[in-house]
């Protein structure tokens, strides 16, 4: 099975995190943390900064690694480095996603997450003390 290596940003602001709904592909409409594939020669952090600029028009600060999620989708094995992040400059403007929302802890379960991102939500709830 092919392995796909990606990065995801858990962008925080106050007691909320930002999530997007996929605008294309097999999982269109499913919710995820923004990010994308790591290109040759990039560190995960560099890839994440590039992907957020491309997808959301903003510059971010990449903070600590939360965890690496591995998940077997039918077509591929996903290896996803997930980082805390914050907006450093600009506003989050959707370029590829069909929707975006700031979610409080109580709203985490109100969207239909992709399976790998659902695993990350469990970790976020355990490690981040949200008010």
Protein backbone atom coordinates (compact mmCIF):
# COMPACT_ATOMS: atom_id res chain seq x y z
CA UNK A 1 0.00 0.00 0.00
CA UNK A 2 1.25 3.46 -0.90
CA UNK A 3 2.19 5.77 2.01
CA UNK A 4 1.25 9.44 1.78
CA UNK A 5 3.12 11.82 4.09
CA UNK A 6 1.25 14.98 5.03
CA UNK A 7 1.12 17.73 7.64
CA UNK A 8 -1.84 19.35 9.39
CA UNK A 9 -2.22 22.60 11.31
CA UNK A 10 -4.39 22.86 14.39
CA UNK A 11 -4.72 26.64 14.28
CA UNK A 12 -5.79 28.05 17.64
CA UNK A 13 -7.25 31.37 18.56
CA UNK A 14 -8.48 31.79 22.12
CA UNK A 15 -10.47 28.70 23.00
CA UNK A 16 -11.23 27.72 19.39
CA UNK A 17 -9.55 25.77 16.62
CA UNK A 18 -9.97 26.19 12.86
CA UNK A 19 -11.23 23.38 10.64
CA UNK A 20 -12.13 23.17 6.96
CA UNK A 21 -14.47 21.05 4.84
CA UNK A 22 -12.82 19.48 1.81
CA UNK A 23 -13.90 21.07 -1.43
CA UNK A 24 -12.91 18.25 -3.78
CA UNK A 25 -12.18 14.54 -4.19
CA UNK A 26 -13.51 11.35 -2.63
CA UNK A 27 -13.93 13.00 0.76
CA UNK A 28 -15.58 16.24 -0.41
CA UNK A 29 -17.54 17.82 2.43
CA UNK A 30 -15.70 15.94 5.20
CA UNK A 31 -13.98 18.10 7.80
CA UNK A 32 -10.24 18.20 8.45
CA UNK A 33 -7.42 20.30 9.76
CA UNK A 34 -5.82 22.29 6.93
CA UNK A 35 -2.50 21.21 5.52
CA UNK A 36 -1.21 18.97 2.75
CA UNK A 37 1.59 16.92 1.29
CA UNK A 38 5.24 17.42 2.12
CA UNK A 39 7.26 18.16 -1.02
CA UNK A 40 10.76 16.85 -1.63
CA UNK A 41 13.36 18.79 0.37
CA UNK A 42 10.86 20.39 2.76
CA UNK A 43 10.71 19.93 6.50
CA UNK A 44 7.22 19.24 7.86
CA UNK A 45 7.12 22.77 9.29
CA UNK A 46 8.09 24.35 5.94
CA UNK A 47 5.46 22.27 4.15
CA UNK A 48 2.81 23.36 6.62
CA UNK A 49 3.62 27.06 6.25
CA UNK A 50 3.53 26.71 2.44
CA UNK A 51 0.27 24.76 2.42
CA UNK A 52 -1.52 27.25 4.68
CA UNK A 53 -0.35 30.16 2.48
CA UNK A 54 -1.64 28.30 -0.61
CA UNK A 55 -4.95 27.12 0.88
CA UNK A 56 -5.83 29.93 3.30
CA UNK A 57 -3.76 33.00 2.25
CA UNK A 58 -2.27 33.49 5.72
CA UNK A 59 1.14 33.10 7.28
CA UNK A 60 1.29 30.94 10.38
CA UNK A 61 3.67 30.20 13.19
CA UNK A 62 4.13 26.45 13.48
CA UNK A 63 4.38 25.50 17.14
CA UNK A 64 4.77 22.13 18.88
CA UNK A 65 4.10 18.75 17.32
CA UNK A 66 0.88 17.35 18.81
CA UNK A 67 1.25 13.84 17.43
CA UNK A 68 1.77 11.83 14.28
CA UNK A 69 -1.39 10.08 13.16
CA UNK A 70 -1.17 6.96 11.02
CA UNK A 71 -4.34 5.77 9.36
CA UNK A 72 -5.15 3.23 6.65
CA UNK A 73 -7.56 4.59 4.07
CA UNK A 74 -8.71 2.12 1.38
CA UNK A 75 -6.35 3.64 -1.23
CA UNK A 76 -3.30 4.55 0.89
CA UNK A 77 -1.61 4.64 4.29
CA UNK A 78 -1.63 8.15 5.76
CA UNK A 79 1.27 9.43 7.87
CA UNK A 80 0.25 12.86 9.21
CA UNK A 81 2.38 15.13 11.41
CA UNK A 82 -0.02 17.39 13.33
CA UNK A 83 1.18 20.69 14.78
CA UNK A 84 -0.29 23.44 16.92
CA UNK A 85 -0.24 26.69 14.94
CA UNK A 86 -1.33 30.30 15.15
CA UNK A 87 -2.00 32.95 12.53
CA UNK A 88 1.06 35.21 12.31
CA UNK A 89 -0.09 37.49 9.51
CA UNK A 90 -3.18 37.87 7.35
CA UNK A 91 -6.64 36.41 7.56
CA UNK A 92 -7.80 32.88 6.83
CA UNK A 93 -9.39 33.04 3.37
CA UNK A 94 -10.71 29.79 1.89
CA UNK A 95 -9.17 29.03 -1.51
CA UNK A 96 -9.79 25.28 -1.79
CA UNK A 97 -12.11 24.28 1.04
CA UNK A 98 -15.88 24.52 0.67
CA UNK A 99 -16.29 25.77 4.26
CA UNK A 100 -14.29 26.77 7.30
CA UNK A 101 -15.24 27.22 10.95
CA UNK A 102 -13.73 28.15 14.29
CA UNK A 103 -14.84 25.37 16.63
CA UNK A 104 -15.02 25.43 20.42
CA UNK A 105 -14.51 22.22 22.39
CA UNK A 106 -18.28 21.78 22.58
CA UNK A 107 -18.54 22.04 18.79
CA UNK A 108 -15.82 19.51 17.91
CA UNK A 109 -18.39 16.76 17.38
CA UNK A 110 -20.75 18.95 15.32
CA UNK A 111 -18.89 18.33 12.05
CA UNK A 112 -18.25 15.13 10.07
CA UNK A 113 -14.49 14.64 10.45
CA UNK A 114 -12.28 12.56 8.19
CA UNK A 115 -11.28 9.41 10.10
CA UNK A 116 -7.62 10.38 10.62
CA UNK A 117 -8.60 13.84 11.86
CA UNK A 118 -11.17 12.27 14.23
CA UNK A 119 -8.25 10.45 15.90
CA UNK A 120 -6.47 13.78 16.34
CA UNK A 121 -9.58 15.31 17.97
CA UNK A 122 -9.35 12.68 20.71
CA UNK A 123 -5.76 13.74 21.44
CA UNK A 124 -6.60 17.45 21.32
CA UNK A 125 -9.36 16.96 23.87
CA UNK A 126 -6.90 15.15 26.15
CA UNK A 127 -3.94 17.54 25.89
CA UNK A 128 -5.41 21.00 25.41
CA UNK A 129 -7.26 22.53 28.29
CA UNK A 130 -10.00 24.49 26.59
CA UNK A 131 -12.14 26.91 28.57
